């Protein structure tokens, strides 16, 4: 299942039932889990650990050194979980010493053509990166978040779980869980109601999240006043508690 033209470093660790296509190059620090399929003309290098049953399409670049002028060749890694789909021309860079040493991608993600995940990013599970979605360094993306085509996320920003980033948004702040942003600089446009329905959120849960959104973004409350009201709402909603925890942990401003 390894094409005769593929170049595999003898030190690479290749699991059972792995398929590697023509002219792909696999470096010595690479580990590929059982059942993973690597297409033709893929380059996987550096210290890169890939889990089970992933599918990486042709021309992807996985585990290259970070695009960071401060990088000095120090040990760092890229860690990819299970059952991810990584499409054509995707670029996934490994981490830097200053950023904790690792870029991490979870399970069951759908990463479409030309998307980029930069150094020291952390991507959760079940996310969707549409074509040309781009993360700068040190970005965190929560579970089930969706990044539409040509979305760009500024360094050190966080995208909360179940958030939705609209097409072409340039996000330069934290996007709370469940929130939908659109327009040039990612202005809040309500909650991701349709996505929540598809994932089994019932009407009561969605209503509580909507109340939390209105508390945070509508009216003339200060952020301190909004947090106090969210704390009261969180007593009856674990989803609002997730939003409040996210806000309390923010080091950057929230999108407004």
C-alpha atoms as a PDB file:
ATOM      1  CA  UNK A   1       0.000   0.000   0.000  1.00  0.00           C
ATOM      2  CA  UNK A   2       3.081   2.242  -0.249  1.00  0.00           C
ATOM      3  CA  UNK A   3       3.785   3.385  -3.806  1.00  0.00           C
ATOM      4  CA  UNK A   4       7.203   2.492  -5.176  1.00  0.00           C
ATOM      5  CA  UNK A   5       8.010   6.166  -5.852  1.00  0.00           C
ATOM      6  CA  UNK A   6       7.250   7.356  -2.321  1.00  0.00           C
ATOM      7  CA  UNK A   7      10.299   8.337  -0.250  1.00  0.00           C
ATOM      8  CA  UNK A   8      10.017   7.061   3.323  1.00  0.00           C
ATOM      9  CA  UNK A   9      12.757   7.725   5.868  1.00  0.00           C
ATOM     10  CA  UNK A  10      13.672   4.435   7.574  1.00  0.00           C
ATOM     11  CA  UNK A  11      13.157   6.098  10.970  1.00  0.00           C
ATOM     12  CA  UNK A  12       9.511   6.962  10.238  1.00  0.00           C
ATOM     13  CA  UNK A  13       6.953   4.853  12.077  1.00  0.00           C
ATOM     14  CA  UNK A  14       4.148   3.681   9.804  1.00  0.00           C
ATOM     15  CA  UNK A  15       1.129   1.864  11.258  1.00  0.00           C
ATOM     16  CA  UNK A  16      -0.754  -1.084   9.816  1.00  0.00           C
ATOM     17  CA  UNK A  17      -2.915  -0.590   6.727  1.00  0.00           C
ATOM     18  CA  UNK A  18      -1.454   2.819   5.918  1.00  0.00           C
ATOM     19  CA  UNK A  19      -1.567   3.848   2.262  1.00  0.00           C
ATOM     20  CA  UNK A  20       1.015   6.288   0.860  1.00  0.00           C
ATOM     21  CA  UNK A  21       0.662   7.600  -2.677  1.00  0.00           C
ATOM     22  CA  UNK A  22       3.111   8.268  -5.461  1.00  0.00           C
ATOM     23  CA  UNK A  23       5.982  10.712  -4.909  1.00  0.00           C
ATOM     24  CA  UNK A  24       5.024  11.493  -1.315  1.00  0.00           C
ATOM     25  CA  UNK A  25       7.873  12.231   1.103  1.00  0.00           C
ATOM     26  CA  UNK A  26       7.755  11.090   4.734  1.00  0.00           C
ATOM     27  CA  UNK A  27      10.463  12.293   7.138  1.00  0.00           C
ATOM     28  CA  UNK A  28      12.216  10.441   9.906  1.00  0.00           C
ATOM     29  CA  UNK A  29      10.367  12.108  12.776  1.00  0.00           C
ATOM     30  CA  UNK A  30       6.935  11.181  11.437  1.00  0.00           C
ATOM     31  CA  UNK A  31       4.523   8.722  13.019  1.00  0.00           C
ATOM     32  CA  UNK A  32       1.400   7.707  11.052  1.00  0.00           C
ATOM     33  CA  UNK A  33      -1.382   5.776  12.737  1.00  0.00           C
ATOM     34  CA  UNK A  34      -3.195   2.699  11.484  1.00  0.00           C
ATOM     35  CA  UNK A  35      -5.566   3.019   8.558  1.00  0.00           C
ATOM     36  CA  UNK A  36      -4.479   6.491   7.472  1.00  0.00           C
ATOM     37  CA  UNK A  37      -4.394   7.299   3.745  1.00  0.00           C
ATOM     38  CA  UNK A  38      -1.757   9.662   2.343  1.00  0.00           C
ATOM     39  CA  UNK A  39      -2.333  10.817  -1.224  1.00  0.00           C
ATOM     40  CA  UNK A  40       0.307  11.452  -3.906  1.00  0.00           C
ATOM     41  CA  UNK A  41       2.769  14.340  -3.679  1.00  0.00           C
ATOM     42  CA  UNK A  42       2.218  14.900   0.068  1.00  0.00           C
ATOM     43  CA  UNK A  43       5.145  16.087   2.204  1.00  0.00           C
ATOM     44  CA  UNK A  44       5.110  15.185   5.912  1.00  0.00           C
ATOM     45  CA  UNK A  45       8.165  16.279   7.875  1.00  0.00           C
ATOM     46  CA  UNK A  46       9.492  17.300  11.279  1.00  0.00           C
ATOM     47  CA  UNK A  47       8.257  15.706  14.471  1.00  0.00           C
ATOM     48  CA  UNK A  48       4.726  14.970  13.350  1.00  0.00           C
ATOM     49  CA  UNK A  49       2.372  12.476  14.974  1.00  0.00           C
ATOM     50  CA  UNK A  50      -0.730  11.524  13.018  1.00  0.00           C
ATOM     51  CA  UNK A  51      -3.447   9.312  14.499  1.00  0.00           C
ATOM     52  CA  UNK A  52      -5.683   6.643  13.000  1.00  0.00           C
ATOM     53  CA  UNK A  53      -7.912   6.675   9.933  1.00  0.00           C
ATOM     54  CA  UNK A  54      -7.007  10.128   8.651  1.00  0.00           C
ATOM     55  CA  UNK A  55      -7.184  10.993   4.968  1.00  0.00           C
ATOM     56  CA  UNK A  56      -4.635  13.470   3.614  1.00  0.00           C
ATOM     57  CA  UNK A  57      -5.085  14.506   0.001  1.00  0.00           C
ATOM     58  CA  UNK A  58      -2.509  15.312  -2.659  1.00  0.00           C
ATOM     59  CA  UNK A  59      -0.144  18.286  -2.356  1.00  0.00           C
ATOM     60  CA  UNK A  60      -0.724  18.882   1.365  1.00  0.00           C
ATOM     61  CA  UNK A  61       2.251  20.099   3.425  1.00  0.00           C
ATOM     62  CA  UNK A  62       2.186  18.724   6.954  1.00  0.00           C
ATOM     63  CA  UNK A  63       4.666  19.441   9.752  1.00  0.00           C
ATOM     64  CA  UNK A  64       6.867  22.035   8.055  1.00  0.00           C
ATOM     65  CA  UNK A  65       8.787  24.524  10.175  1.00  0.00           C
ATOM     66  CA  UNK A  66       6.714  27.470  11.427  1.00  0.00           C
ATOM     67  CA  UNK A  67       6.509  30.700   9.483  1.00  0.00           C
ATOM     68  CA  UNK A  68       7.972  32.603  12.428  1.00  0.00           C
ATOM     69  CA  UNK A  69      11.209  34.594  12.175  1.00  0.00           C
ATOM     70  CA  UNK A  70      11.950  33.822  15.821  1.00  0.00           C
ATOM     71  CA  UNK A  71      12.064  30.089  15.151  1.00  0.00           C
ATOM     72  CA  UNK A  72      15.611  28.851  15.645  1.00  0.00           C
ATOM     73  CA  UNK A  73      15.317  25.183  14.788  1.00  0.00           C
ATOM     74  CA  UNK A  74      14.300  24.103  18.286  1.00  0.00           C
ATOM     75  CA  UNK A  75      12.426  20.865  18.854  1.00  0.00           C
ATOM     76  CA  UNK A  76       8.713  21.256  18.238  1.00  0.00           C
ATOM     77  CA  UNK A  77       5.910  19.095  16.944  1.00  0.00           C
ATOM     78  CA  UNK A  78       2.607  18.781  15.146  1.00  0.00           C
ATOM     79  CA  UNK A  79       0.064  16.418  16.697  1.00  0.00           C
ATOM     80  CA  UNK A  80      -2.984  15.323  14.679  1.00  0.00           C
ATOM     81  CA  UNK A  81      -5.744  13.106  16.078  1.00  0.00           C
ATOM     82  CA  UNK A  82      -8.001  10.568  14.362  1.00  0.00           C
ATOM     83  CA  UNK A  83     -10.390  10.561  11.399  1.00  0.00           C
ATOM     84  CA  UNK A  84      -9.500  13.986  10.042  1.00  0.00           C
ATOM     85  CA  UNK A  85      -9.930  14.902   6.378  1.00  0.00           C
ATOM     86  CA  UNK A  86      -7.164  17.193   5.114  1.00  0.00           C
ATOM     87  CA  UNK A  87      -7.699  18.328   1.551  1.00  0.00           C
ATOM     88  CA  UNK A  88      -5.482  19.567  -1.279  1.00  0.00           C
ATOM     89  CA  UNK A  89      -2.809  22.222  -0.596  1.00  0.00           C
ATOM     90  CA  UNK A  90      -3.561  22.448   3.125  1.00  0.00           C
ATOM     91  CA  UNK A  91      -0.547  23.631   5.159  1.00  0.00           C
ATOM     92  CA  UNK A  92      -0.146  22.610   8.801  1.00  0.00           C
ATOM     93  CA  UNK A  93       2.933  23.941  10.625  1.00  0.00           C
ATOM     94  CA  UNK A  94       4.486  22.628  13.808  1.00  0.00           C
ATOM     95  CA  UNK A  95       4.921  24.703  16.966  1.00  0.00           C
ATOM     96  CA  UNK A  96       7.589  26.931  18.475  1.00  0.00           C
ATOM     97  CA  UNK A  97       9.354  26.914  21.831  1.00  0.00           C
ATOM     98  CA  UNK A  98       7.764  30.245  22.766  1.00  0.00           C
ATOM     99  CA  UNK A  99       4.287  28.880  22.047  1.00  0.00           C
ATOM    100  CA  UNK A 100       4.530  25.663  24.028  1.00  0.00           C
ATOM    101  CA  UNK A 101       6.265  23.617  21.358  1.00  0.00           C
ATOM    102  CA  UNK A 102       3.269  22.068  19.623  1.00  0.00           C
ATOM    103  CA  UNK A 103       0.499  22.656  17.127  1.00  0.00           C
ATOM    104  CA  UNK A 104      -2.452  20.376  17.942  1.00  0.00           C
ATOM    105  CA  UNK A 105      -5.397  19.258  15.827  1.00  0.00           C
ATOM    106  CA  UNK A 106      -8.042  16.995  17.367  1.00  0.00           C
ATOM    107  CA  UNK A 107     -10.389  14.412  15.856  1.00  0.00           C
ATOM    108  CA  UNK A 108     -12.992  14.341  13.087  1.00  0.00           C
ATOM    109  CA  UNK A 109     -12.105  17.707  11.566  1.00  0.00           C
ATOM    110  CA  UNK A 110     -12.862  18.615   7.951  1.00  0.00           C
ATOM    111  CA  UNK A 111     -10.100  20.882   6.614  1.00  0.00           C
ATOM    112  CA  UNK A 112     -10.753  21.939   3.045  1.00  0.00           C
ATOM    113  CA  UNK A 113      -8.382  22.966   0.258  1.00  0.00           C
ATOM    114  CA  UNK A 114      -5.810  25.725   0.824  1.00  0.00           C
ATOM    115  CA  UNK A 115      -6.611  26.116   4.537  1.00  0.00           C
ATOM    116  CA  UNK A 116      -3.681  27.003   6.809  1.00  0.00           C
ATOM    117  CA  UNK A 117      -3.057  26.227  10.483  1.00  0.00           C
ATOM    118  CA  UNK A 118      -0.033  28.124  11.755  1.00  0.00           C
ATOM    119  CA  UNK A 119       2.375  27.386  14.589  1.00  0.00           C
ATOM    120  CA  UNK A 120       1.150  26.760  18.131  1.00  0.00           C
ATOM    121  CA  UNK A 121      -2.530  26.637  17.211  1.00  0.00           C
ATOM    122  CA  UNK A 122      -4.936  24.309  18.973  1.00  0.00           C
ATOM    123  CA  UNK A 123      -7.923  22.993  17.005  1.00  0.00           C
ATOM    124  CA  UNK A 124     -10.574  20.925  18.757  1.00  0.00           C
ATOM    125  CA  UNK A 125     -12.845  18.232  17.350  1.00  0.00           C
ATOM    126  CA  UNK A 126     -15.504  18.204  14.612  1.00  0.00           C
ATOM    127  CA  UNK A 127     -14.564  21.597  13.182  1.00  0.00           C
ATOM    128  CA  UNK A 128     -14.973  22.686   9.561  1.00  0.00           C
ATOM    129  CA  UNK A 129     -12.385  24.847   7.795  1.00  0.00           C
ATOM    130  CA  UNK A 130     -13.764  25.920   4.433  1.00  0.00           C
ATOM    131  CA  UNK A 131     -11.481  26.713   1.494  1.00  0.00           C
ATOM    132  CA  UNK A 132      -8.697  29.203   2.279  1.00  0.00           C
ATOM    133  CA  UNK A 133      -9.636  29.593   5.962  1.00  0.00           C
ATOM    134  CA  UNK A 134      -6.455  30.703   7.724  1.00  0.00           C
ATOM    135  CA  UNK A 135      -5.242  30.718  11.316  1.00  0.00           C
ATOM    136  CA  UNK A 136      -2.318  32.882  12.378  1.00  0.00           C
ATOM    137  CA  UNK A 137      -0.107  31.642  15.203  1.00  0.00           C
ATOM    138  CA  UNK A 138      -1.346  30.757  18.692  1.00  0.00           C
ATOM    139  CA  UNK A 139      -5.047  30.599  17.737  1.00  0.00           C
ATOM    140  CA  UNK A 140      -7.454  28.285  19.572  1.00  0.00           C
ATOM    141  CA  UNK A 141     -10.541  26.885  17.809  1.00  0.00           C
ATOM    142  CA  UNK A 142     -13.176  25.089  19.881  1.00  0.00           C
ATOM    143  CA  UNK A 143     -15.155  21.959  19.061  1.00  0.00           C
ATOM    144  CA  UNK A 144     -17.740  22.158  16.247  1.00  0.00           C
ATOM    145  CA  UNK A 145     -16.652  25.655  15.176  1.00  0.00           C
ATOM    146  CA  UNK A 146     -17.090  26.480  11.483  1.00  0.00           C
ATOM    147  CA  UNK A 147     -14.787  28.823   9.554  1.00  0.00           C
ATOM    148  CA  UNK A 148     -16.214  29.839   6.202  1.00  0.00           C
ATOM    149  CA  UNK A 149     -14.185  30.387   3.049  1.00  0.00           C
ATOM    150  CA  UNK A 150     -11.404  32.989   3.184  1.00  0.00           C
ATOM    151  CA  UNK A 151     -11.909  33.622   6.904  1.00  0.00           C
ATOM    152  CA  UNK A 152      -8.747  34.859   8.612  1.00  0.00           C
ATOM    153  CA  UNK A 153      -8.087  34.678  12.350  1.00  0.00           C
ATOM    154  CA  UNK A 154      -5.540  37.030  13.936  1.00  0.00           C
ATOM    155  CA  UNK A 155      -2.832  35.608  16.192  1.00  0.00           C
ATOM    156  CA  UNK A 156      -3.712  34.754  19.802  1.00  0.00           C
ATOM    157  CA  UNK A 157      -7.466  34.923  19.138  1.00  0.00           C
ATOM    158  CA  UNK A 158      -9.878  32.235  20.313  1.00  0.00           C
ATOM    159  CA  UNK A 159     -12.890  30.881  18.479  1.00  0.00           C
ATOM    160  CA  UNK A 160     -15.360  29.305  20.900  1.00  0.00           C
ATOM    161  CA  UNK A 161     -17.110  25.969  20.549  1.00  0.00           C
ATOM    162  CA  UNK A 162     -20.033  25.924  18.076  1.00  0.00           C
ATOM    163  CA  UNK A 163     -19.149  29.419  16.801  1.00  0.00           C
ATOM    164  CA  UNK A 164     -19.606  30.319  13.134  1.00  0.00           C
ATOM    165  CA  UNK A 165     -17.253  32.669  11.275  1.00  0.00           C
ATOM    166  CA  UNK A 166     -18.730  34.035   8.063  1.00  0.00           C
ATOM    167  CA  UNK A 167     -17.121  34.139   4.628  1.00  0.00           C
ATOM    168  CA  UNK A 168     -14.221  36.553   4.332  1.00  0.00           C
ATOM    169  CA  UNK A 169     -14.247  37.636   7.986  1.00  0.00           C
ATOM    170  CA  UNK A 170     -10.980  38.965   9.393  1.00  0.00           C
ATOM    171  CA  UNK A 171     -11.350  38.209  13.090  1.00  0.00           C
ATOM    172  CA  UNK A 172      -9.187  40.233  15.469  1.00  0.00           C
ATOM    173  CA  UNK A 173     -10.833  39.391  18.797  1.00  0.00           C
ATOM    174  CA  UNK A 174     -12.239  36.431  20.707  1.00  0.00           C
ATOM    175  CA  UNK A 175     -15.485  34.924  19.380  1.00  0.00           C
ATOM    176  CA  UNK A 176     -17.519  33.471  22.276  1.00  0.00           C
ATOM    177  CA  UNK A 177     -19.024  29.992  22.037  1.00  0.00           C
ATOM    178  CA  UNK A 178     -22.227  29.686  19.961  1.00  0.00           C
ATOM    179  CA  UNK A 179     -21.829  33.164  18.422  1.00  0.00           C
ATOM    180  CA  UNK A 180     -22.041  33.868  14.684  1.00  0.00           C
ATOM    181  CA  UNK A 181     -19.872  36.646  13.237  1.00  0.00           C
ATOM    182  CA  UNK A 182     -19.955  38.225   9.781  1.00  0.00           C
ATOM    183  CA  UNK A 183     -18.758  41.276   7.796  1.00  0.00           C
ATOM    184  CA  UNK A 184     -15.192  42.410   7.218  1.00  0.00           C
ATOM    185  CA  UNK A 185     -14.015  42.320  10.820  1.00  0.00           C
ATOM    186  CA  UNK A 186     -16.233  39.657  12.300  1.00  0.00           C
ATOM    187  CA  UNK A 187     -19.061  41.640  13.866  1.00  0.00           C
ATOM    188  CA  UNK A 188     -21.521  39.617  16.018  1.00  0.00           C
ATOM    189  CA  UNK A 189     -24.664  38.660  14.141  1.00  0.00           C
ATOM    190  CA  UNK A 190     -26.560  36.494  16.628  1.00  0.00           C
ATOM    191  CA  UNK A 191     -25.999  32.881  17.583  1.00  0.00           C
ATOM    192  CA  UNK A 192     -25.381  29.837  15.423  1.00  0.00           C
ATOM    193  CA  UNK A 193     -28.959  28.600  15.855  1.00  0.00           C
ATOM    194  CA  UNK A 194     -29.076  26.382  12.792  1.00  0.00           C
ATOM    195  CA  UNK A 195     -25.850  24.633  13.701  1.00  0.00           C
ATOM    196  CA  UNK A 196     -27.059  24.036  17.250  1.00  0.00           C
ATOM    197  CA  UNK A 197     -30.315  22.510  16.005  1.00  0.00           C
ATOM    198  CA  UNK A 198     -28.381  20.153  13.746  1.00  0.00           C
ATOM    199  CA  UNK A 199     -26.335  19.026  16.746  1.00  0.00           C
ATOM    200  CA  UNK A 200     -29.375  18.222  18.856  1.00  0.00           C
ATOM    201  CA  UNK A 201     -29.699  21.324  21.029  1.00  0.00           C
ATOM    202  CA  UNK A 202     -33.342  21.593  22.134  1.00  0.00           C
ATOM    203  CA  UNK A 203     -35.433  24.777  22.170  1.00  0.00           C
ATOM    204  CA  UNK A 204     -34.788  25.503  25.862  1.00  0.00           C
ATOM    205  CA  UNK A 205     -31.006  25.305  25.463  1.00  0.00           C
ATOM    206  CA  UNK A 206     -31.053  27.535  22.391  1.00  0.00           C
ATOM    207  CA  UNK A 207     -33.336  30.063  24.148  1.00  0.00           C
ATOM    208  CA  UNK A 208     -30.912  30.288  27.075  1.00  0.00           C
ATOM    209  CA  UNK A 209     -28.002  30.894  24.705  1.00  0.00           C
ATOM    210  CA  UNK A 210     -29.999  33.621  22.927  1.00  0.00           C
ATOM    211  CA  UNK A 211     -30.682  35.325  26.273  1.00  0.00           C
ATOM    212  CA  UNK A 212     -26.978  35.205  27.037  1.00  0.00           C
ATOM    213  CA  UNK A 213     -26.152  36.712  23.636  1.00  0.00           C
ATOM    214  CA  UNK A 214     -28.609  39.573  24.175  1.00  0.00           C
ATOM    215  CA  UNK A 215     -27.136  40.191  27.598  1.00  0.00           C
ATOM    216  CA  UNK A 216     -23.628  40.353  26.191  1.00  0.00           C
ATOM    217  CA  UNK A 217     -24.219  42.286  22.980  1.00  0.00           C
ATOM    218  CA  UNK A 218     -27.525  44.171  23.096  1.00  0.00           C
ATOM    219  CA  UNK A 219     -28.343  47.142  25.304  1.00  0.00           C
ATOM    220  CA  UNK A 220     -25.921  49.479  27.023  1.00  0.00           C
ATOM    221  CA  UNK A 221     -24.478  47.203  29.681  1.00  0.00           C
ATOM    222  CA  UNK A 222     -20.837  47.445  30.599  1.00  0.00           C
ATOM    223  CA  UNK A 223     -18.923  44.189  30.309  1.00  0.00           C
ATOM    224  CA  UNK A 224     -18.870  43.929  34.113  1.00  0.00           C
ATOM    225  CA  UNK A 225     -22.666  44.276  34.208  1.00  0.00           C
ATOM    226  CA  UNK A 226     -23.058  41.721  31.427  1.00  0.00           C
ATOM    227  CA  UNK A 227     -20.834  39.243  33.248  1.00  0.00           C
ATOM    228  CA  UNK A 228     -22.883  39.610  36.417  1.00  0.00           C
ATOM    229  CA  UNK A 229     -26.102  38.902  34.520  1.00  0.00           C
ATOM    230  CA  UNK A 230     -24.496  35.963  32.725  1.00  0.00           C
ATOM    231  CA  UNK A 231     -23.447  34.508  36.057  1.00  0.00           C
ATOM    232  CA  UNK A 232     -27.079  34.515  37.143  1.00  0.00           C
ATOM    233  CA  UNK A 233     -28.198  32.887  33.893  1.00  0.00           C
ATOM    234  CA  UNK A 234     -25.414  30.306  34.151  1.00  0.00           C
ATOM    235  CA  UNK A 235     -26.969  28.884  37.303  1.00  0.00           C
ATOM    236  CA  UNK A 236     -29.697  27.359  35.121  1.00  0.00           C
ATOM    237  CA  UNK A 237     -27.759  26.695  31.897  1.00  0.00           C
ATOM    238  CA  UNK A 238     -24.526  24.785  31.433  1.00  0.00           C
ATOM    239  CA  UNK A 239     -24.219  26.368  27.988  1.00  0.00           C
ATOM    240  CA  UNK A 240     -24.279  29.874  29.434  1.00  0.00           C
ATOM    241  CA  UNK A 241     -21.718  28.699  31.994  1.00  0.00           C
ATOM    242  CA  UNK A 242     -19.472  27.673  29.073  1.00  0.00           C
ATOM    243  CA  UNK A 243     -19.860  31.144  27.567  1.00  0.00           C
ATOM    244  CA  UNK A 244     -19.079  32.826  30.874  1.00  0.00           C
ATOM    245  CA  UNK A 245     -15.980  30.681  31.447  1.00  0.00           C
ATOM    246  CA  UNK A 246     -14.761  31.584  27.958  1.00  0.00           C
ATOM    247  CA  UNK A 247     -15.283  35.306  28.586  1.00  0.00           C
ATOM    248  CA  UNK A 248     -13.586  35.187  31.968  1.00  0.00           C
ATOM    249  CA  UNK A 249     -10.528  33.538  30.396  1.00  0.00           C
ATOM    250  CA  UNK A 250     -10.227  36.062  27.550  1.00  0.00           C
ATOM    251  CA  UNK A 251      -6.957  37.933  27.323  1.00  0.00           C
ATOM    252  CA  UNK A 252      -7.991  39.761  24.163  1.00  0.00           C
ATOM    253  CA  UNK A 253     -11.111  41.841  23.676  1.00  0.00           C
ATOM    254  CA  UNK A 254     -14.258  40.096  22.518  1.00  0.00           C
ATOM    255  CA  UNK A 255     -15.472  40.795  19.001  1.00  0.00           C
ATOM    256  CA  UNK A 256     -17.932  43.691  19.084  1.00  0.00           C
END
